[in-house]
Amino acid sequence: MNACIGRRAGGPTRLDCVFAAYVIVTAVTILANGGIAVADLASARFVLANMDEVGVPRPWLPRLAVLKGAAAAGLLLGLLGLRPLGIAAAAGLVLFFTGALAAHVRARVFYNIAVPGAFLALAVAAVILAITVQAGSL
C-alpha cells in the first residue's frame, strides 16, 4: 500500500490502489460482521445487555444475526467477483447500522454508540470502494 502513497511513473495506478483499499476494507468488514453475527447467534451476554439497553426485543436476535451473516457472505462473494452482490450487501449494512444508531439515539444510550458507528463507517467505506472498483475509474 505504501507504493500507492508516493506513486511514481510505472508504479501502481490509482485504480490499483483503490482496489487494494477495497480488498482490505471489505475483508475487515466481513470479519467484523461475521464475528458479531456469531456473537449474536451465541446470545453473548454483551449482545443481550446492549439489546435490552436500546430496547430491541430479544426474539429479533436470530434474525439480526442472519442479516449480518448474510451481508458478510455477500461481501465475500463481491470480493470473489460478484461485485453487484457485494455492493448490495454493503448497502444493506449501511441501512442496518443506520437503524442501530437510530436505536441508540432513541434510547439515549450514547456511551457505546461508537460501536455501531464503527460498523457503519466500515459499511460506508466498503460500499463506496466497491462502487468505485465496479465503475473502474476515479
N, C-alpha and C. Protein backbone atom coordinates (compact mmCIF):
# COMPACT_ATOMS: atom_id res chain seq x y z
N MET A 1 0.83 -1.19 0.00
CA MET A 1 0.00 0.00 0.00
C MET A 1 0.87 1.25 0.00
N ASN A 2 2.11 1.17 0.56
CA ASN A 2 3.00 2.33 0.55
C ASN A 2 3.30 2.80 -0.85
N ALA A 3 3.32 1.88 -1.81
CA ALA A 3 3.57 2.26 -3.20
C ALA A 3 2.47 3.17 -3.71
N CYS A 4 1.31 3.10 -3.12
CA CYS A 4 0.19 3.94 -3.55
C CYS A 4 0.30 5.37 -3.02
N ILE A 5 1.05 5.56 -1.94
CA ILE A 5 1.13 6.88 -1.33
C ILE A 5 2.04 7.81 -2.14
N GLY A 6 3.22 7.35 -2.46
CA GLY A 6 4.14 8.18 -3.24
C GLY A 6 4.30 7.61 -4.63
N ARG A 7 3.21 7.52 -5.37
CA ARG A 7 3.23 6.85 -6.68
C ARG A 7 4.23 7.50 -7.63
N ARG A 8 4.91 6.64 -8.38
CA ARG A 8 5.84 7.09 -9.40
C ARG A 8 5.41 6.51 -10.74
N ALA A 9 5.92 7.07 -11.80
CA ALA A 9 5.64 6.54 -13.12
C ALA A 9 6.02 5.07 -13.17
N GLY A 10 5.16 4.26 -13.72
CA GLY A 10 5.42 2.83 -13.80
C GLY A 10 4.98 2.06 -12.58
N GLY A 11 4.55 2.76 -11.53
CA GLY A 11 4.08 2.10 -10.32
C GLY A 11 2.61 1.76 -10.43
N PRO A 12 2.01 1.41 -9.32
CA PRO A 12 0.59 1.06 -9.35
C PRO A 12 -0.27 2.26 -9.77
N THR A 13 -1.33 1.95 -10.49
CA THR A 13 -2.25 3.01 -10.90
C THR A 13 -3.15 3.38 -9.73
N ARG A 14 -3.85 4.46 -9.88
CA ARG A 14 -4.78 4.89 -8.85
C ARG A 14 -5.84 3.81 -8.61
N LEU A 15 -6.30 3.19 -9.69
CA LEU A 15 -7.31 2.13 -9.54
C LEU A 15 -6.72 0.91 -8.82
N ASP A 16 -5.44 0.61 -9.04
CA ASP A 16 -4.79 -0.48 -8.29
C ASP A 16 -4.83 -0.19 -6.80
N CYS A 17 -4.55 1.05 -6.45
CA CYS A 17 -4.54 1.45 -5.04
C CYS A 17 -5.95 1.39 -4.44
N VAL A 18 -6.93 1.83 -5.22
CA VAL A 18 -8.32 1.76 -4.75
C VAL A 18 -8.73 0.31 -4.58
N PHE A 19 -8.32 -0.56 -5.50
CA PHE A 19 -8.66 -1.97 -5.39
C PHE A 19 -8.04 -2.58 -4.12
N ALA A 20 -6.80 -2.22 -3.84
CA ALA A 20 -6.15 -2.71 -2.62
C ALA A 20 -6.92 -2.24 -1.38
N ALA A 21 -7.31 -0.98 -1.37
CA ALA A 21 -8.10 -0.46 -0.24
C ALA A 21 -9.44 -1.18 -0.15
N TYR A 22 -10.06 -1.44 -1.29
CA TYR A 22 -11.34 -2.16 -1.33
C TYR A 22 -11.20 -3.55 -0.70
N VAL A 23 -10.15 -4.28 -1.07
CA VAL A 23 -9.96 -5.62 -0.54
C VAL A 23 -9.74 -5.57 0.98
N ILE A 24 -8.91 -4.65 1.43
CA ILE A 24 -8.61 -4.56 2.87
C ILE A 24 -9.85 -4.16 3.67
N VAL A 25 -10.52 -3.10 3.25
CA VAL A 25 -11.70 -2.61 3.98
C VAL A 25 -12.81 -3.66 3.96
N THR A 26 -13.01 -4.29 2.83
CA THR A 26 -14.07 -5.29 2.73
C THR A 26 -13.75 -6.51 3.59
N ALA A 27 -12.49 -6.93 3.60
CA ALA A 27 -12.10 -8.06 4.45
C ALA A 27 -12.33 -7.75 5.93
N VAL A 28 -11.98 -6.55 6.36
CA VAL A 28 -12.22 -6.15 7.76
C VAL A 28 -13.71 -6.12 8.04
N THR A 29 -14.50 -5.62 7.09
CA THR A 29 -15.96 -5.56 7.27
C THR A 29 -16.55 -6.95 7.36
N ILE A 30 -16.05 -7.87 6.54
CA ILE A 30 -16.51 -9.27 6.60
C ILE A 30 -16.20 -9.87 7.97
N LEU A 31 -14.98 -9.70 8.42
CA LEU A 31 -14.58 -10.27 9.72
C LEU A 31 -15.39 -9.67 10.87
N ALA A 32 -15.59 -8.36 10.84
CA ALA A 32 -16.33 -7.70 11.92
C ALA A 32 -17.77 -8.18 11.95
N ASN A 33 -18.42 -8.21 10.80
CA ASN A 33 -19.83 -8.60 10.78
C ASN A 33 -20.02 -10.10 10.97
N GLY A 34 -19.10 -10.89 10.45
CA GLY A 34 -19.15 -12.33 10.71
C GLY A 34 -18.97 -12.62 12.19
N GLY A 35 -18.04 -11.91 12.81
CA GLY A 35 -17.79 -12.09 14.24
C GLY A 35 -18.98 -11.71 15.10
N ILE A 36 -19.58 -10.59 14.79
CA ILE A 36 -20.72 -10.15 15.61
C ILE A 36 -21.95 -11.03 15.33
N ALA A 37 -22.06 -11.57 14.11
CA ALA A 37 -23.17 -12.49 13.82
C ALA A 37 -23.02 -13.76 14.68
N VAL A 38 -21.79 -14.24 14.83
CA VAL A 38 -21.55 -15.42 15.67
C VAL A 38 -21.88 -15.08 17.13
N ALA A 39 -21.47 -13.89 17.58
CA ALA A 39 -21.78 -13.48 18.96
C ALA A 39 -23.29 -13.38 19.15
N ASP A 40 -23.99 -12.88 18.14
CA ASP A 40 -25.46 -12.81 18.21
C ASP A 40 -26.07 -14.21 18.31
N LEU A 41 -25.62 -15.11 17.46
CA LEU A 41 -26.16 -16.47 17.46
C LEU A 41 -25.86 -17.20 18.77
N ALA A 42 -24.74 -16.85 19.39
CA ALA A 42 -24.37 -17.46 20.68
C ALA A 42 -25.06 -16.76 21.85
N SER A 43 -25.85 -15.73 21.56
CA SER A 43 -26.51 -14.93 22.60
C SER A 43 -25.50 -14.47 23.65
N ALA A 44 -24.42 -13.91 23.17
CA ALA A 44 -23.38 -13.41 24.08
C ALA A 44 -23.98 -12.40 25.05
N ARG A 45 -23.46 -12.41 26.27
CA ARG A 45 -24.00 -11.54 27.32
C ARG A 45 -23.97 -10.07 26.92
N PHE A 46 -22.87 -9.62 26.31
CA PHE A 46 -22.77 -8.21 25.95
C PHE A 46 -23.79 -7.83 24.88
N VAL A 47 -24.11 -8.78 23.99
CA VAL A 47 -25.12 -8.52 22.95
C VAL A 47 -26.49 -8.38 23.60
N LEU A 48 -26.83 -9.29 24.48
CA LEU A 48 -28.14 -9.24 25.16
C LEU A 48 -28.27 -7.98 26.00
N ALA A 49 -27.22 -7.61 26.71
CA ALA A 49 -27.26 -6.41 27.53
C ALA A 49 -27.48 -5.17 26.67
N ASN A 50 -26.78 -5.11 25.55
CA ASN A 50 -26.93 -3.95 24.66
C ASN A 50 -28.34 -3.90 24.07
N MET A 51 -28.86 -5.04 23.65
CA MET A 51 -30.22 -5.08 23.09
C MET A 51 -31.24 -4.60 24.12
N ASP A 52 -31.11 -5.06 25.35
CA ASP A 52 -32.03 -4.64 26.40
C ASP A 52 -31.94 -3.14 26.63
N GLU A 53 -30.71 -2.64 26.62
CA GLU A 53 -30.49 -1.22 26.89
C GLU A 53 -31.10 -0.31 25.82
N VAL A 54 -30.99 -0.73 24.57
CA VAL A 54 -31.52 0.12 23.49
C VAL A 54 -32.95 -0.24 23.11
N GLY A 55 -33.52 -1.24 23.75
CA GLY A 55 -34.93 -1.57 23.54
C GLY A 55 -35.23 -2.43 22.33
N VAL A 56 -34.27 -3.24 21.91
CA VAL A 56 -34.51 -4.18 20.80
C VAL A 56 -35.01 -5.49 21.41
N PRO A 57 -36.16 -5.98 20.98
CA PRO A 57 -36.69 -7.23 21.55
C PRO A 57 -35.75 -8.41 21.31
N ARG A 58 -35.55 -9.21 22.34
CA ARG A 58 -34.65 -10.37 22.24
C ARG A 58 -35.06 -11.36 21.15
N PRO A 59 -36.35 -11.57 20.89
CA PRO A 59 -36.70 -12.52 19.82
C PRO A 59 -36.19 -12.09 18.43
N TRP A 60 -35.79 -10.84 18.27
CA TRP A 60 -35.25 -10.38 16.99
C TRP A 60 -33.82 -10.85 16.76
N LEU A 61 -33.14 -11.26 17.82
CA LEU A 61 -31.70 -11.54 17.74
C LEU A 61 -31.32 -12.53 16.65
N PRO A 62 -31.99 -13.68 16.53
CA PRO A 62 -31.58 -14.61 15.46
C PRO A 62 -31.72 -14.01 14.06
N ARG A 63 -32.77 -13.24 13.85
CA ARG A 63 -32.96 -12.61 12.53
C ARG A 63 -31.88 -11.57 12.25
N LEU A 64 -31.54 -10.80 13.27
CA LEU A 64 -30.49 -9.79 13.10
C LEU A 64 -29.15 -10.47 12.83
N ALA A 65 -28.90 -11.58 13.50
CA ALA A 65 -27.66 -12.33 13.27
C ALA A 65 -27.60 -12.85 11.84
N VAL A 66 -28.72 -13.37 11.35
CA VAL A 66 -28.76 -13.89 9.98
C VAL A 66 -28.52 -12.75 8.97
N LEU A 67 -29.09 -11.59 9.23
CA LEU A 67 -28.86 -10.45 8.33
C LEU A 67 -27.38 -10.08 8.28
N LYS A 68 -26.73 -10.01 9.44
CA LYS A 68 -25.30 -9.68 9.47
C LYS A 68 -24.47 -10.77 8.79
N GLY A 69 -24.80 -12.01 9.06
CA GLY A 69 -24.07 -13.11 8.44
C GLY A 69 -24.26 -13.15 6.93
N ALA A 70 -25.49 -12.91 6.48
CA ALA A 70 -25.76 -12.89 5.04
C ALA A 70 -25.02 -11.74 4.37
N ALA A 71 -24.96 -10.60 5.05
CA ALA A 71 -24.23 -9.46 4.49
C ALA A 71 -22.74 -9.79 4.39
N ALA A 72 -22.18 -10.44 5.41
CA ALA A 72 -20.77 -10.83 5.35
C ALA A 72 -20.53 -11.79 4.19
N ALA A 73 -21.43 -12.74 4.00
CA ALA A 73 -21.30 -13.68 2.87
C ALA A 73 -21.42 -12.94 1.54
N GLY A 74 -22.33 -11.98 1.45
CA GLY A 74 -22.48 -11.19 0.22
C GLY A 74 -21.24 -10.37 -0.07
N LEU A 75 -20.63 -9.81 0.97
CA LEU A 75 -19.39 -9.07 0.78
C LEU A 75 -18.28 -9.98 0.26
N LEU A 76 -18.21 -11.19 0.82
CA LEU A 76 -17.21 -12.15 0.38
C LEU A 76 -17.42 -12.51 -1.09
N LEU A 77 -18.66 -12.76 -1.47
CA LEU A 77 -18.95 -13.07 -2.87
C LEU A 77 -18.62 -11.88 -3.77
N GLY A 78 -18.81 -10.68 -3.26
CA GLY A 78 -18.42 -9.49 -4.01
C GLY A 78 -16.92 -9.46 -4.24
N LEU A 79 -16.15 -9.80 -3.22
CA LEU A 79 -14.69 -9.87 -3.37
C LEU A 79 -14.29 -10.93 -4.39
N LEU A 80 -15.07 -12.00 -4.47
CA LEU A 80 -14.75 -13.09 -5.37
C LEU A 80 -15.23 -12.84 -6.80
N GLY A 81 -15.82 -11.67 -7.04
CA GLY A 81 -16.19 -11.32 -8.41
C GLY A 81 -17.64 -10.94 -8.64
N LEU A 82 -18.51 -11.29 -7.73
CA LEU A 82 -19.92 -10.90 -7.88
C LEU A 82 -20.11 -9.51 -7.26
N ARG A 83 -19.44 -8.54 -7.87
CA ARG A 83 -19.37 -7.19 -7.30
C ARG A 83 -20.75 -6.58 -7.02
N PRO A 84 -21.75 -6.71 -7.91
CA PRO A 84 -23.06 -6.13 -7.58
C PRO A 84 -23.67 -6.69 -6.30
N LEU A 85 -23.44 -7.98 -6.04
CA LEU A 85 -23.93 -8.57 -4.80
C LEU A 85 -23.19 -7.99 -3.60
N GLY A 86 -21.90 -7.77 -3.74
CA GLY A 86 -21.12 -7.15 -2.68
C GLY A 86 -21.59 -5.73 -2.40
N ILE A 87 -21.90 -4.99 -3.46
CA ILE A 87 -22.42 -3.63 -3.31
C ILE A 87 -23.76 -3.66 -2.57
N ALA A 88 -24.63 -4.57 -2.97
CA ALA A 88 -25.93 -4.69 -2.30
C ALA A 88 -25.77 -5.06 -0.83
N ALA A 89 -24.85 -5.97 -0.53
CA ALA A 89 -24.61 -6.38 0.86
C ALA A 89 -24.10 -5.20 1.68
N ALA A 90 -23.15 -4.45 1.13
CA ALA A 90 -22.62 -3.30 1.85
C ALA A 90 -23.69 -2.24 2.05
N ALA A 91 -24.52 -2.02 1.04
CA ALA A 91 -25.61 -1.05 1.16
C ALA A 91 -26.61 -1.50 2.23
N GLY A 92 -26.87 -2.79 2.28
CA GLY A 92 -27.75 -3.32 3.32
C GLY A 92 -27.18 -3.09 4.71
N LEU A 93 -25.86 -3.25 4.85
CA LEU A 93 -25.23 -2.98 6.15
C LEU A 93 -25.29 -1.51 6.51
N VAL A 94 -25.18 -0.63 5.52
CA VAL A 94 -25.34 0.81 5.79
C VAL A 94 -26.72 1.07 6.38
N LEU A 95 -27.74 0.50 5.78
CA LEU A 95 -29.10 0.68 6.30
C LEU A 95 -29.24 0.05 7.69
N PHE A 96 -28.69 -1.16 7.85
CA PHE A 96 -28.79 -1.87 9.13
C PHE A 96 -28.17 -1.04 10.26
N PHE A 97 -26.96 -0.56 10.05
CA PHE A 97 -26.28 0.15 11.13
C PHE A 97 -26.76 1.58 11.29
N THR A 98 -27.40 2.13 10.26
CA THR A 98 -28.09 3.41 10.44
C THR A 98 -29.24 3.20 11.42
N GLY A 99 -29.94 2.09 11.26
CA GLY A 99 -31.01 1.73 12.20
C GLY A 99 -30.48 1.48 13.60
N ALA A 100 -29.31 0.85 13.70
CA ALA A 100 -28.71 0.61 15.02
C ALA A 100 -28.36 1.92 15.70
N LEU A 101 -27.80 2.85 14.94
CA LEU A 101 -27.50 4.18 15.51
C LEU A 101 -28.78 4.88 15.95
N ALA A 102 -29.82 4.77 15.14
CA ALA A 102 -31.11 5.38 15.49
C ALA A 102 -31.66 4.78 16.78
N ALA A 103 -31.50 3.47 16.95
CA ALA A 103 -31.97 2.82 18.18
C ALA A 103 -31.21 3.34 19.39
N HIS A 104 -29.92 3.55 19.24
CA HIS A 104 -29.12 4.10 20.34
C HIS A 104 -29.56 5.52 20.68
N VAL A 105 -29.78 6.32 19.66
CA VAL A 105 -30.19 7.71 19.89
C VAL A 105 -31.58 7.75 20.53
N ARG A 106 -32.50 6.93 20.00
CA ARG A 106 -33.86 6.89 20.55
C ARG A 106 -33.85 6.52 22.02
N ALA A 107 -32.99 5.56 22.38
CA ALA A 107 -32.92 5.09 23.77
C ALA A 107 -31.98 5.95 24.62
N ARG A 108 -31.34 6.92 24.00
CA ARG A 108 -30.38 7.81 24.67
C ARG A 108 -29.24 7.01 25.31
N VAL A 109 -28.76 6.03 24.57
CA VAL A 109 -27.62 5.22 25.01
C VAL A 109 -26.44 5.65 24.14
N PHE A 110 -25.63 6.54 24.69
CA PHE A 110 -24.55 7.14 23.91
C PHE A 110 -23.16 6.64 24.30
N TYR A 111 -23.02 6.00 25.45
CA TYR A 111 -21.68 5.64 25.91
C TYR A 111 -21.02 4.62 24.99
N ASN A 112 -21.80 3.82 24.25
CA ASN A 112 -21.22 2.83 23.35
C ASN A 112 -21.69 3.01 21.91
N ILE A 113 -22.12 4.21 21.57
CA ILE A 113 -22.62 4.46 20.21
C ILE A 113 -21.51 4.35 19.17
N ALA A 114 -20.27 4.43 19.61
CA ALA A 114 -19.15 4.29 18.67
C ALA A 114 -19.10 2.90 18.04
N VAL A 115 -19.64 1.91 18.71
CA VAL A 115 -19.59 0.55 18.16
C VAL A 115 -20.43 0.45 16.89
N PRO A 116 -21.74 0.77 16.93
CA PRO A 116 -22.46 0.74 15.66
C PRO A 116 -21.94 1.80 14.68
N GLY A 117 -21.39 2.88 15.22
CA GLY A 117 -20.80 3.90 14.35
C GLY A 117 -19.62 3.36 13.56
N ALA A 118 -18.79 2.55 14.21
CA ALA A 118 -17.64 1.94 13.52
C ALA A 118 -18.11 0.93 12.47
N PHE A 119 -19.12 0.13 12.81
CA PHE A 119 -19.67 -0.81 11.83
C PHE A 119 -20.26 -0.05 10.64
N LEU A 120 -20.93 1.06 10.90
CA LEU A 120 -21.50 1.88 9.83
C LEU A 120 -20.38 2.46 8.97
N ALA A 121 -19.32 2.96 9.59
CA ALA A 121 -18.20 3.53 8.83
C ALA A 121 -17.57 2.48 7.92
N LEU A 122 -17.40 1.27 8.43
CA LEU A 122 -16.86 0.19 7.59
C LEU A 122 -17.77 -0.10 6.41
N ALA A 123 -19.07 -0.17 6.66
CA ALA A 123 -20.02 -0.46 5.59
C ALA A 123 -20.03 0.65 4.54
N VAL A 124 -20.00 1.90 4.99
CA VAL A 124 -19.98 3.03 4.05
C VAL A 124 -18.71 2.97 3.20
N ALA A 125 -17.57 2.75 3.84
CA ALA A 125 -16.31 2.65 3.09
C ALA A 125 -16.35 1.50 2.11
N ALA A 126 -16.88 0.35 2.53
CA ALA A 126 -16.95 -0.82 1.65
C ALA A 126 -17.83 -0.55 0.44
N VAL A 127 -18.97 0.09 0.65
CA VAL A 127 -19.86 0.33 -0.49
C VAL A 127 -19.26 1.36 -1.45
N ILE A 128 -18.64 2.39 -0.93
CA ILE A 128 -18.03 3.40 -1.79
C ILE A 128 -16.89 2.80 -2.60
N LEU A 129 -16.04 2.03 -1.94
CA LEU A 129 -14.92 1.41 -2.65
C LEU A 129 -15.40 0.37 -3.67
N ALA A 130 -16.42 -0.41 -3.31
CA ALA A 130 -16.94 -1.41 -4.24
C ALA A 130 -17.54 -0.74 -5.49
N ILE A 131 -18.26 0.34 -5.29
CA ILE A 131 -18.83 1.05 -6.44
C ILE A 131 -17.72 1.64 -7.30
N THR A 132 -16.70 2.17 -6.67
CA THR A 132 -15.58 2.75 -7.40
C THR A 132 -14.85 1.69 -8.22
N VAL A 133 -14.60 0.54 -7.61
CA VAL A 133 -13.94 -0.55 -8.32
C VAL A 133 -14.83 -1.05 -9.45
N GLN A 134 -16.13 -1.18 -9.19
CA GLN A 134 -17.06 -1.63 -10.21
C GLN A 134 -17.08 -0.68 -11.41
N ALA A 135 -17.07 0.61 -11.11
CA ALA A 135 -17.09 1.61 -12.17
C ALA A 135 -15.77 1.61 -12.95
N GLY A 136 -14.69 1.22 -12.28
CA GLY A 136 -13.41 1.10 -12.96
C GLY A 136 -12.69 2.41 -13.21
N SER A 137 -13.16 3.47 -12.56
CA SER A 137 -12.48 4.76 -12.74
C SER A 137 -12.62 5.59 -11.49
N LEU A 138 -11.77 6.62 -11.39
CA LEU A 138 -11.83 7.54 -10.25
C LEU A 138 -12.22 8.91 -10.70
